Amino acid sequence: MFSSTILQGVGEVASYVGIAIFIIIILAFVASTVRIVREFERIVLFTLGRLVGAKGPGVVFVLPFINRVFKIDLRERYLEVQKQTCITKDNAPTDIDFLIYYKVVDATQSVVQVQNFEGASVGIATTTLRAVVGDIPLDELLARREQINNVLRSKLDEVTERWGIKVTNVEIREITPPKDVQEAMVKQMGAERTRRAMVLEADGKRESNILVAEGEKKSVILRAEGDKQAAILRAQGYSEALTQVFQAAKNIDSKTMALQYLDTLKALGASPATKYIFPMEFTNLIAPMKSFMDESTKG
């Protein structure tokens, strides 16, 4: 009686455990059939090996063991390419590393057309990089960084377009020439800076000399203009003075002139000189003086 009760209890527990296991299996099956696809993701769905297409975003139902899914991220990502040793046109080994920025534009093609996109992209990028760098001398390599970026991007984009992937940008991160070349470049840069400083100093002195010469030229011109104006003013003053003298002389009569002659004779008489020289016209002046004296006496 007791043993039968125990067996009955064990059977009930086993049935409960079986029901619980069945429920767990059902829940696991249901959970495996439901996939939540976010906005920036897509699921590429295959049914028994045949492509169904890209699904999402939202809830996507998948049948276990029948459907196979590949989750694809549509956000822009980058691929880091480690340093690659490239030989320039002048046979200088140079290490270059760069970044590849890309995004998936066709989730289906990115799964069907290429097995390992990253490995294939790195292979194409490094091959193209060596070909491009091989045509550029080392001195021009740093200056033509943007050109190399554009060539790499266009070449990669041509290949990855059929994979449903868009290469948005390629950026060279670092270009490292050999150590001896770096030392030579540093010396060259120092010499170039010294040369520029000397050129600038010479240009400054030349500009200073030009400014000084221009200042002296303007000063001479201004002095000449001043002398010219002063000479003009002096000439005008002389002209006005002569005009006034001429106007005054027109009003002088013979009597006034006679008085002037008498004053002159008086001054000559006071002089200690013993010899006097009179012009021949002096005799002509005596007659007016005599007549003037006669008139004064009669008066």
Protein backbone atom coordinates (compact mmCIF):
# COMPACT_ATOMS: atom_id res chain seq x y z
CA MET A 1 0.00 0.00 0.00
CA PHE A 2 2.79 2.44 0.96
CA SER A 3 4.95 1.55 -2.03
CA SER A 4 2.08 2.04 -4.45
CA THR A 5 1.50 5.53 -3.02
CA ILE A 6 5.16 6.39 -3.53
CA LEU A 7 5.10 5.12 -7.08
CA GLN A 8 1.99 7.15 -7.76
CA GLY A 9 3.69 10.31 -6.42
CA VAL A 10 6.80 9.71 -8.49
CA GLY A 11 4.64 9.25 -11.58
CA GLU A 12 2.88 12.55 -10.96
CA VAL A 13 6.21 14.38 -10.45
CA ALA A 14 7.57 12.82 -13.64
CA SER A 15 4.48 13.92 -15.55
CA TYR A 16 4.88 17.47 -14.20
CA VAL A 17 8.55 17.49 -15.15
CA GLY A 18 7.68 16.23 -18.59
CA ILE A 19 5.08 18.95 -19.03
CA ALA A 20 7.57 21.59 -17.86
CA ILE A 21 10.20 20.32 -20.26
CA PHE A 22 7.68 20.32 -23.11
CA ILE A 23 6.66 23.89 -22.28
CA ILE A 24 10.32 24.99 -22.17
CA ILE A 25 10.93 23.36 -25.55
CA ILE A 26 7.88 25.09 -27.00
CA LEU A 27 9.02 28.46 -25.61
CA ALA A 28 12.55 27.94 -26.89
CA PHE A 29 11.18 27.02 -30.32
CA VAL A 30 8.96 30.09 -30.38
CA ALA A 31 11.84 32.31 -29.21
CA SER A 32 14.09 30.91 -31.92
CA THR A 33 11.51 31.69 -34.57
CA VAL A 34 11.26 35.35 -33.62
CA ARG A 35 14.05 37.78 -34.47
CA ILE A 36 14.01 41.48 -33.58
CA VAL A 37 15.74 43.49 -36.31
CA ARG A 38 16.78 47.04 -35.40
CA GLU A 39 16.52 50.03 -37.74
CA PHE A 40 20.18 49.96 -38.78
CA GLU A 41 20.21 46.19 -39.37
CA ARG A 42 18.92 43.76 -41.99
CA ILE A 43 18.59 39.98 -41.97
CA VAL A 44 19.42 38.09 -45.15
CA LEU A 45 17.18 35.02 -45.09
CA PHE A 46 17.86 31.67 -46.78
CA THR A 47 15.34 28.81 -46.93
CA LEU A 48 16.89 25.39 -47.49
CA GLY A 49 19.86 27.11 -49.09
CA ARG A 50 17.85 29.35 -51.42
CA LEU A 51 17.96 33.11 -51.03
CA VAL A 52 14.71 34.61 -49.84
CA GLY A 53 15.87 38.20 -49.44
CA ALA A 54 16.61 40.87 -46.86
CA LYS A 55 14.16 41.27 -43.98
CA GLY A 56 13.69 44.04 -41.44
CA PRO A 57 13.51 46.23 -39.55
CA GLY A 58 10.99 44.96 -37.00
CA VAL A 59 9.91 41.41 -36.11
CA VAL A 60 11.01 38.63 -38.46
CA PHE A 61 9.88 35.00 -38.08
CA VAL A 62 12.46 32.31 -38.80
CA LEU A 63 11.91 28.55 -38.94
CA PRO A 64 14.68 26.65 -37.14
CA PHE A 65 16.59 24.07 -39.18
CA ILE A 66 14.87 25.37 -42.33
CA ASN A 67 15.87 29.00 -42.48
CA ARG A 68 19.37 30.35 -42.11
CA VAL A 69 19.98 34.03 -41.40
CA PHE A 70 22.86 36.50 -41.72
CA LYS A 71 22.61 39.73 -39.79
CA ILE A 72 24.07 42.74 -41.63
CA ASP A 73 24.90 46.12 -40.06
CA LEU A 74 24.03 49.05 -42.38
CA ARG A 75 25.90 51.69 -40.41
CA GLU A 76 29.07 53.26 -41.75
CA ARG A 77 32.12 51.50 -40.40
CA TYR A 78 35.84 51.66 -40.87
CA LEU A 79 38.50 49.11 -41.66
CA GLU A 80 41.99 49.70 -40.29
CA VAL A 81 44.80 48.65 -42.62
CA GLN A 82 48.07 48.12 -40.80
CA LYS A 83 51.37 49.55 -42.03
CA GLN A 84 52.29 48.48 -45.53
CA THR A 85 55.83 48.87 -46.86
CA CYS A 86 55.75 50.47 -50.30
CA ILE A 87 58.63 51.34 -52.64
CA THR A 88 58.52 54.85 -54.09
CA LYS A 89 59.61 55.81 -57.60
CA ASP A 90 63.10 56.67 -56.34
CA ASN A 91 63.39 53.28 -54.53
CA ALA A 92 62.80 54.51 -50.99
CA PRO A 93 60.91 52.04 -48.74
CA THR A 94 58.08 53.80 -46.96
CA ASP A 95 55.56 52.53 -44.38
CA ILE A 96 51.97 53.67 -44.90
CA ASP A 97 48.86 52.84 -42.90
CA PHE A 98 45.35 54.05 -43.66
CA LEU A 99 41.65 53.69 -42.88
CA ILE A 100 38.84 52.57 -45.18
CA TYR A 101 35.36 53.92 -44.43
CA TYR A 102 32.49 51.93 -45.93
CA LYS A 103 28.82 51.05 -45.54
CA VAL A 104 26.58 48.29 -46.83
CA VAL A 105 24.00 49.56 -49.33
CA ASP A 106 22.71 46.14 -50.47
CA ALA A 107 22.58 43.59 -47.67
CA THR A 108 21.74 40.68 -50.01
CA GLN A 109 24.67 41.27 -52.36
CA SER A 110 27.09 41.73 -49.45
CA VAL A 111 26.32 38.16 -48.38
CA VAL A 112 25.95 36.46 -51.76
CA GLN A 113 28.74 38.15 -53.76
CA VAL A 114 31.66 38.10 -51.32
CA GLN A 115 32.72 35.74 -48.59
CA ASN A 116 35.09 37.98 -46.62
CA PHE A 117 34.67 41.62 -47.51
CA GLU A 118 37.30 42.92 -45.12
CA GLY A 119 40.03 40.58 -46.35
CA ALA A 120 39.19 41.26 -49.99
CA SER A 121 39.15 45.02 -49.43
CA VAL A 122 42.50 45.00 -47.65
CA GLY A 123 44.02 42.98 -50.47
CA ILE A 124 42.76 45.36 -53.17
CA ALA A 125 43.72 48.43 -51.16
CA THR A 126 47.29 47.31 -50.46
CA THR A 127 47.86 46.26 -54.07
CA THR A 128 46.53 49.58 -55.37
CA LEU A 129 48.54 51.50 -52.78
CA ARG A 130 51.81 49.89 -53.87
CA ALA A 131 51.03 50.61 -57.52
CA VAL A 132 50.22 54.28 -56.83
CA VAL A 133 53.18 54.92 -54.53
CA GLY A 134 55.52 53.26 -57.04
CA ASP A 135 54.84 56.12 -59.47
CA ILE A 136 55.53 58.93 -56.97
CA PRO A 137 58.95 60.15 -55.75
CA LEU A 138 59.48 60.31 -52.01
CA ASP A 139 59.72 64.12 -51.99
CA GLU A 140 56.23 64.37 -53.51
CA LEU A 141 54.63 61.58 -51.50
CA LEU A 142 53.58 63.71 -48.53
CA ALA A 143 52.30 66.51 -50.75
CA ARG A 144 50.18 64.11 -52.83
CA ARG A 145 48.45 62.41 -49.92
CA GLU A 146 45.01 63.61 -51.05
CA GLN A 147 45.60 62.27 -54.56
CA ILE A 148 46.51 58.85 -53.17
CA ASN A 149 43.36 58.87 -51.02
CA ASN A 150 41.18 59.61 -54.05
CA VAL A 151 42.81 56.92 -56.19
CA LEU A 152 42.40 54.29 -53.46
CA ARG A 153 38.78 55.26 -52.85
CA SER A 154 37.80 55.19 -56.53
CA LYS A 155 39.58 51.86 -57.13
CA LEU A 156 37.99 50.22 -54.11
CA ASP A 157 34.59 51.64 -54.96
CA GLU A 158 34.74 50.16 -58.47
CA VAL A 159 35.30 46.67 -57.04
CA THR A 160 33.04 46.81 -53.98
CA GLU A 161 30.09 48.22 -55.93
CA ARG A 162 29.19 44.72 -57.18
CA TRP A 163 29.38 43.49 -53.59
CA GLY A 164 26.65 45.91 -52.49
CA ILE A 165 29.16 47.92 -50.46
CA LYS A 166 29.97 51.62 -50.86
CA VAL A 167 33.45 52.89 -49.96
CA THR A 168 32.80 56.42 -48.70
CA ASN A 169 36.34 57.50 -47.95
CA VAL A 170 39.96 56.43 -47.66
CA GLU A 171 42.31 58.33 -45.35
CA ILE A 172 46.05 57.80 -45.10
CA ARG A 173 46.85 58.05 -41.42
CA GLU A 174 50.63 58.03 -41.39
CA ILE A 175 53.50 57.98 -43.88
CA THR A 176 56.81 56.93 -42.35
CA PRO A 177 59.94 57.25 -44.52
CA PRO A 178 63.20 55.47 -43.57
CA LYS A 179 65.06 56.88 -40.58
CA ASP A 180 68.00 58.24 -42.59
CA VAL A 181 65.57 59.91 -44.96
CA GLN A 182 63.74 61.48 -42.00
CA GLU A 183 67.03 62.89 -40.68
CA ALA A 184 67.87 64.28 -44.11
CA MET A 185 64.40 65.82 -44.36
CA VAL A 186 64.82 67.46 -40.96
CA LYS A 187 68.16 68.95 -42.04
CA GLN A 188 66.65 70.10 -45.31
CA MET A 189 63.76 71.75 -43.47
CA GLY A 190 66.21 73.51 -41.14
CA ALA A 191 68.24 74.77 -44.09
CA GLU A 192 65.08 75.90 -45.86
CA ARG A 193 63.92 77.81 -42.79
CA THR A 194 67.35 79.49 -42.52
CA ARG A 195 67.22 80.42 -46.17
CA ARG A 196 63.73 81.86 -45.81
CA ALA A 197 64.84 83.87 -42.77
CA MET A 198 67.77 85.30 -44.71
CA VAL A 199 65.53 86.09 -47.68
CA LEU A 200 63.02 87.79 -45.43
CA GLU A 201 65.77 89.79 -43.73
CA ALA A 202 67.18 90.84 -47.12
CA ASP A 203 63.70 91.76 -48.32
CA GLY A 204 63.19 93.81 -45.17
CA LYS A 205 66.43 95.69 -45.66
CA ARG A 206 65.63 96.28 -49.32
CA GLU A 207 62.17 97.57 -48.48
CA SER A 208 63.69 99.78 -45.76
CA ASN A 209 66.23 101.22 -48.20
CA ILE A 210 63.52 101.82 -50.75
CA LEU A 211 61.39 103.61 -48.18
CA VAL A 212 64.36 105.74 -47.09
CA ALA A 213 65.17 106.61 -50.70
CA GLU A 214 61.54 107.43 -51.36
CA GLY A 215 61.51 109.65 -48.29
CA GLU A 216 64.68 111.45 -49.36
CA LYS A 217 63.30 111.86 -52.87
CA LYS A 218 60.09 113.39 -51.54
CA SER A 219 62.11 115.60 -49.20
CA VAL A 220 64.27 116.89 -52.08
CA ILE A 221 61.16 117.48 -54.17
CA LEU A 222 59.51 119.34 -51.33
CA ARG A 223 62.64 121.46 -50.76
CA ALA A 224 62.85 122.22 -54.48
CA GLU A 225 59.18 123.17 -54.50
CA GLY A 226 59.79 125.38 -51.47
CA ASP A 227 62.80 127.06 -53.10
CA LYS A 228 60.79 127.53 -56.26
CA GLN A 229 57.90 129.12 -54.40
CA ALA A 230 60.36 131.31 -52.40
CA ALA A 231 62.09 132.45 -55.61
CA ILE A 232 58.73 133.22 -57.17
CA LEU A 233 57.71 135.20 -54.10
CA ARG A 234 61.04 137.08 -54.05
CA ALA A 235 60.73 137.86 -57.76
CA GLN A 236 57.20 139.09 -57.18
CA GLY A 237 58.49 141.23 -54.29
CA TYR A 238 61.25 142.71 -56.45
CA SER A 239 58.80 143.36 -59.23
CA GLU A 240 56.40 145.12 -56.92
CA ALA A 241 59.26 147.16 -55.40
CA LEU A 242 60.54 148.21 -58.83
CA THR A 243 57.01 149.07 -59.84
CA GLN A 244 56.62 151.28 -56.79
CA VAL A 245 60.03 152.88 -57.45
CA PHE A 246 59.09 153.47 -61.04
CA GLN A 247 55.79 155.01 -60.01
CA ALA A 248 57.58 157.27 -57.52
CA ALA A 249 60.27 158.22 -60.05
CA LYS A 250 57.69 159.38 -62.54
CA ASN A 251 56.58 162.05 -60.09
CA ILE A 252 60.14 163.42 -59.43
CA ASP A 253 60.91 166.81 -61.15
CA SER A 254 64.26 168.43 -61.91
CA LYS A 255 64.27 170.33 -58.63
CA THR A 256 64.01 167.15 -56.61
CA MET A 257 66.80 165.64 -58.64
CA ALA A 258 68.91 168.72 -58.04
CA LEU A 259 68.44 168.42 -54.31
CA GLN A 260 69.51 164.78 -54.51
CA TYR A 261 72.63 165.81 -56.43
CA LEU A 262 73.45 168.44 -53.77
CA ASP A 263 73.13 165.84 -51.04
CA THR A 264 75.43 163.59 -53.03
CA LEU A 265 78.01 166.40 -53.43
CA LYS A 266 77.78 167.08 -49.72
CA ALA A 267 78.51 163.45 -48.98
CA LEU A 268 81.44 163.51 -51.37
CA GLY A 269 82.84 166.58 -49.66
CA ALA A 270 82.76 164.87 -46.29
CA SER A 271 84.71 161.93 -47.68
CA PRO A 272 88.50 161.85 -46.87
CA ALA A 273 89.26 160.95 -50.49
CA THR A 274 91.35 163.45 -52.50
CA LYS A 275 90.32 162.28 -55.92
CA TYR A 276 86.83 162.12 -57.31
CA ILE A 277 85.59 160.75 -60.61
CA PHE A 278 82.55 162.36 -62.11
CA PRO A 279 80.68 160.96 -65.07
CA MET A 280 80.55 163.00 -68.25
CA GLU A 281 76.85 163.51 -67.71
CA PHE A 282 77.68 165.47 -64.55
CA THR A 283 78.32 168.63 -66.60
CA ASN A 284 74.84 168.35 -67.97
CA LEU A 285 73.52 168.39 -64.42
CA ILE A 286 75.24 171.64 -63.51
CA ALA A 287 73.01 173.74 -65.73
CA PRO A 288 69.76 172.72 -64.01
CA MET A 289 71.40 173.25 -60.67
CA LYS A 290 72.59 176.76 -61.72
CA SER A 291 69.14 177.70 -62.93
CA PHE A 292 67.62 176.30 -59.74
CA MET A 293 70.02 178.36 -57.64
CA ASP A 294 69.29 181.50 -59.65
CA GLU A 295 65.60 181.06 -59.15
CA SER A 296 66.14 180.52 -55.42
CA THR A 297 68.21 183.74 -55.22
CA LYS A 298 65.60 185.80 -57.10
CA GLY A 299 62.91 184.54 -54.87
